[in-house]
Amino acid sequence: EEKYDLMKERFAKLLLGEDMSGGGKGVCTAVAISNAITNLS
């Protein structure tokens, strides 16, 4: 599970870093991707 947590953190940081101008959008995308990863695992 630790590996998946690290992956989710990296995705979130990447998305938030790329989408700082979008603000909330980046957070929603990061959450959606982390949820998708959790469902796949």
PDB file of N, CA and C in Angstrom:
ATOM      1  N   GLU A   1       0.825  -1.203   0.000  1.00  0.00           N
ATOM      2  CA  GLU A   1       0.000   0.000   0.000  1.00  0.00           C
ATOM      3  C   GLU A   1       0.862   1.256   0.000  1.00  0.00           C
ATOM      4  N   GLU A   2       2.033   1.185   0.618  1.00  0.00           N
ATOM      5  CA  GLU A   2       2.903   2.365   0.667  1.00  0.00           C
ATOM      6  C   GLU A   2       3.274   2.810  -0.742  1.00  0.00           C
ATOM      7  N   LYS A   3       3.511   1.841  -1.628  1.00  0.00           N
ATOM      8  CA  LYS A   3       3.876   2.181  -3.005  1.00  0.00           C
ATOM      9  C   LYS A   3       2.753   2.962  -3.673  1.00  0.00           C
ATOM     10  N   TYR A   4       1.519   2.532  -3.464  1.00  0.00           N
ATOM     11  CA  TYR A   4       0.388   3.229  -4.082  1.00  0.00           C
ATOM     12  C   TYR A   4       0.238   4.628  -3.511  1.00  0.00           C
ATOM     13  N   ASP A   5       0.482   4.769  -2.196  1.00  0.00           N
ATOM     14  CA  ASP A   5       0.395   6.098  -1.581  1.00  0.00           C
ATOM     15  C   ASP A   5       1.429   7.025  -2.198  1.00  0.00           C
ATOM     16  N   LEU A   6       2.647   6.521  -2.411  1.00  0.00           N
ATOM     17  CA  LEU A   6       3.696   7.343  -3.016  1.00  0.00           C
ATOM     18  C   LEU A   6       3.297   7.739  -4.429  1.00  0.00           C
ATOM     19  N   MET A   7       2.742   6.789  -5.183  1.00  0.00           N
ATOM     20  CA  MET A   7       2.313   7.078  -6.556  1.00  0.00           C
ATOM     21  C   MET A   7       1.250   8.166  -6.556  1.00  0.00           C
ATOM     22  N   LYS A   8       0.288   8.045  -5.648  1.00  0.00           N
ATOM     23  CA  LYS A   8      -0.790   9.032  -5.581  1.00  0.00           C
ATOM     24  C   LYS A   8      -0.231  10.410  -5.245  1.00  0.00           C
ATOM     25  N   GLU A   9       0.735  10.455  -4.322  1.00  0.00           N
ATOM     26  CA  GLU A   9       1.333  11.742  -3.948  1.00  0.00           C
ATOM     27  C   GLU A   9       2.038  12.355  -5.147  1.00  0.00           C
ATOM     28  N   ARG A  10       2.773  11.528  -5.899  1.00  0.00           N
ATOM     29  CA  ARG A  10       3.499  12.033  -7.070  1.00  0.00           C
ATOM     30  C   ARG A  10       2.529  12.563  -8.118  1.00  0.00           C
ATOM     31  N   PHE A  11       1.469  11.816  -8.384  1.00  0.00           N
ATOM     32  CA  PHE A  11       0.473  12.274  -9.359  1.00  0.00           C
ATOM     33  C   PHE A  11      -0.135  13.590  -8.925  1.00  0.00           C
ATOM     34  N   ALA A  12      -0.483  13.671  -7.649  1.00  0.00           N
ATOM     35  CA  ALA A  12      -1.103  14.887  -7.133  1.00  0.00           C
ATOM     36  C   ALA A  12      -0.158  16.071  -7.282  1.00  0.00           C
ATOM     37  N   LYS A  13       1.120  15.869  -6.915  1.00  0.00           N
ATOM     38  CA  LYS A  13       2.094  16.962  -7.003  1.00  0.00           C
ATOM     39  C   LYS A  13       2.306  17.373  -8.454  1.00  0.00           C
ATOM     40  N   LEU A  14       2.391  16.390  -9.350  1.00  0.00           N
ATOM     41  CA  LEU A  14       2.588  16.703 -10.766  1.00  0.00           C
ATOM     42  C   LEU A  14       1.417  17.507 -11.302  1.00  0.00           C
ATOM     43  N   LEU A  15       0.207  17.027 -11.017  1.00  0.00           N
ATOM     44  CA  LEU A  15      -0.982  17.702 -11.534  1.00  0.00           C
ATOM     45  C   LEU A  15      -1.137  19.088 -10.934  1.00  0.00           C
ATOM     46  N   LEU A  16      -0.902  19.200  -9.626  1.00  0.00           N
ATOM     47  CA  LEU A  16      -1.045  20.503  -8.972  1.00  0.00           C
ATOM     48  C   LEU A  16       0.016  21.457  -9.488  1.00  0.00           C
ATOM     49  N   GLY A  17       1.221  20.947  -9.727  1.00  0.00           N
ATOM     50  CA  GLY A  17       2.302  21.788 -10.220  1.00  0.00           C
ATOM     51  C   GLY A  17       2.008  22.303 -11.615  1.00  0.00           C
ATOM     52  N   GLU A  18       1.402  21.453 -12.444  1.00  0.00           N
ATOM     53  CA  GLU A  18       1.106  21.852 -13.820  1.00  0.00           C
ATOM     54  C   GLU A  18      -0.113  22.759 -13.891  1.00  0.00           C
ATOM     55  N   ASP A  19      -0.998  22.634 -12.911  1.00  0.00           N
ATOM     56  CA  ASP A  19      -2.287  23.322 -12.997  1.00  0.00           C
ATOM     57  C   ASP A  19      -2.497  24.318 -11.860  1.00  0.00           C
ATOM     58  N   MET A  20      -1.432  25.041 -11.487  1.00  0.00           N
ATOM     59  CA  MET A  20      -1.554  26.012 -10.403  1.00  0.00           C
ATOM     60  C   MET A  20      -2.550  27.106 -10.769  1.00  0.00           C
ATOM     61  N   SER A  21      -2.599  27.488 -12.039  1.00  0.00           N
ATOM     62  CA  SER A  21      -3.511  28.548 -12.466  1.00  0.00           C
ATOM     63  C   SER A  21      -4.964  28.105 -12.315  1.00  0.00           C
ATOM     64  N   GLY A  22      -5.212  26.801 -12.465  1.00  0.00           N
ATOM     65  CA  GLY A  22      -6.570  26.286 -12.358  1.00  0.00           C
ATOM     66  C   GLY A  22      -7.033  26.174 -10.921  1.00  0.00           C
ATOM     67  N   GLY A  23      -6.093  26.062  -9.999  1.00  0.00           N
ATOM     68  CA  GLY A  23      -6.455  25.979  -8.587  1.00  0.00           C
ATOM     69  C   GLY A  23      -7.238  24.726  -8.260  1.00  0.00           C
ATOM     70  N   GLY A  24      -8.535  24.884  -8.024  1.00  0.00           N
ATOM     71  CA  GLY A  24      -9.392  23.769  -7.632  1.00  0.00           C
ATOM     72  C   GLY A  24      -9.424  22.649  -8.648  1.00  0.00           C
ATOM     73  N   LYS A  25      -9.298  22.998  -9.924  1.00  0.00           N
ATOM     74  CA  LYS A  25      -9.335  21.969 -10.970  1.00  0.00           C
ATOM     75  C   LYS A  25      -8.245  20.933 -10.749  1.00  0.00           C
ATOM     76  N   GLY A  26      -7.035  21.405 -10.452  1.00  0.00           N
ATOM     77  CA  GLY A  26      -5.914  20.482 -10.245  1.00  0.00           C
ATOM     78  C   GLY A  26      -6.185  19.523  -9.105  1.00  0.00           C
ATOM     79  N   VAL A  27      -6.796  20.054  -8.037  1.00  0.00           N
ATOM     80  CA  VAL A  27      -7.102  19.210  -6.882  1.00  0.00           C
ATOM     81  C   VAL A  27      -8.104  18.137  -7.278  1.00  0.00           C
ATOM     82  N   CYS A  28      -9.154  18.516  -7.983  1.00  0.00           N
ATOM     83  CA  CYS A  28     -10.181  17.557  -8.394  1.00  0.00           C
ATOM     84  C   CYS A  28      -9.578  16.473  -9.279  1.00  0.00           C
ATOM     85  N   THR A  29      -8.713  16.878 -10.213  1.00  0.00           N
ATOM     86  CA  THR A  29      -8.086  15.910 -11.104  1.00  0.00           C
ATOM     87  C   THR A  29      -7.209  14.956 -10.320  1.00  0.00           C
ATOM     88  N   ALA A  30      -6.433  15.499  -9.385  1.00  0.00           N
ATOM     89  CA  ALA A  30      -5.545  14.662  -8.577  1.00  0.00           C
ATOM     90  C   ALA A  30      -6.353  13.663  -7.761  1.00  0.00           C
ATOM     91  N   VAL A  31      -7.458  14.120  -7.187  1.00  0.00           N
ATOM     92  CA  VAL A  31      -8.312  13.235  -6.388  1.00  0.00           C
ATOM     93  C   VAL A  31      -8.914  12.155  -7.275  1.00  0.00           C
ATOM     94  N   ALA A  32      -9.366  12.534  -8.464  1.00  0.00           N
ATOM     95  CA  ALA A  32      -9.966  11.566  -9.384  1.00  0.00           C
ATOM     96  C   ALA A  32      -8.948  10.499  -9.767  1.00  0.00           C
ATOM     97  N   ILE A  33      -7.719  10.922 -10.054  1.00  0.00           N
ATOM     98  CA  ILE A  33      -6.683   9.959 -10.448  1.00  0.00           C
ATOM     99  C   ILE A  33      -6.305   9.071  -9.275  1.00  0.00           C
ATOM    100  N   SER A  34      -6.185   9.655  -8.087  1.00  0.00           N
ATOM    101  CA  SER A  34      -5.825   8.843  -6.919  1.00  0.00           C
ATOM    102  C   SER A  34      -6.923   7.824  -6.636  1.00  0.00           C
ATOM    103  N   ASN A  35      -8.172   8.212  -6.829  1.00  0.00           N
ATOM    104  CA  ASN A  35      -9.285   7.278  -6.637  1.00  0.00           C
ATOM    105  C   ASN A  35      -9.220   6.162  -7.670  1.00  0.00           C
ATOM    106  N   ALA A  36      -8.888   6.517  -8.911  1.00  0.00           N
ATOM    107  CA  ALA A  36      -8.785   5.514  -9.970  1.00  0.00           C
ATOM    108  C   ALA A  36      -7.680   4.518  -9.643  1.00  0.00           C
ATOM    109  N   ILE A  37      -6.540   5.023  -9.165  1.00  0.00           N
ATOM    110  CA  ILE A  37      -5.425   4.143  -8.813  1.00  0.00           C
ATOM    111  C   ILE A  37      -5.838   3.220  -7.667  1.00  0.00           C
ATOM    112  N   THR A  38      -6.543   3.775  -6.694  1.00  0.00           N
ATOM    113  CA  THR A  38      -6.989   2.973  -5.546  1.00  0.00           C
ATOM    114  C   THR A  38      -7.927   1.866  -6.015  1.00  0.00           C
ATOM    115  N   ASN A  39      -8.823   2.190  -6.936  1.00  0.00           N
ATOM    116  CA  ASN A  39      -9.783   1.201  -7.432  1.00  0.00           C
ATOM    117  C   ASN A  39      -9.084   0.108  -8.229  1.00  0.00           C
ATOM    118  N   LEU A  40      -8.022   0.470  -8.950  1.00  0.00           N
ATOM    119  CA  LEU A  40      -7.308  -0.506  -9.768  1.00  0.00           C
ATOM    120  C   LEU A  40      -6.458  -1.439  -8.916  1.00  0.00           C
ATOM    121  N   SER A  41      -5.955  -0.944  -7.802  1.00  0.00           N
ATOM    122  CA  SER A  41      -5.012  -1.732  -7.000  1.00  0.00           C
ATOM    123  C   SER A  41      -5.677  -2.935  -6.341  1.00  0.00           C
TER     124      SER A  41
END
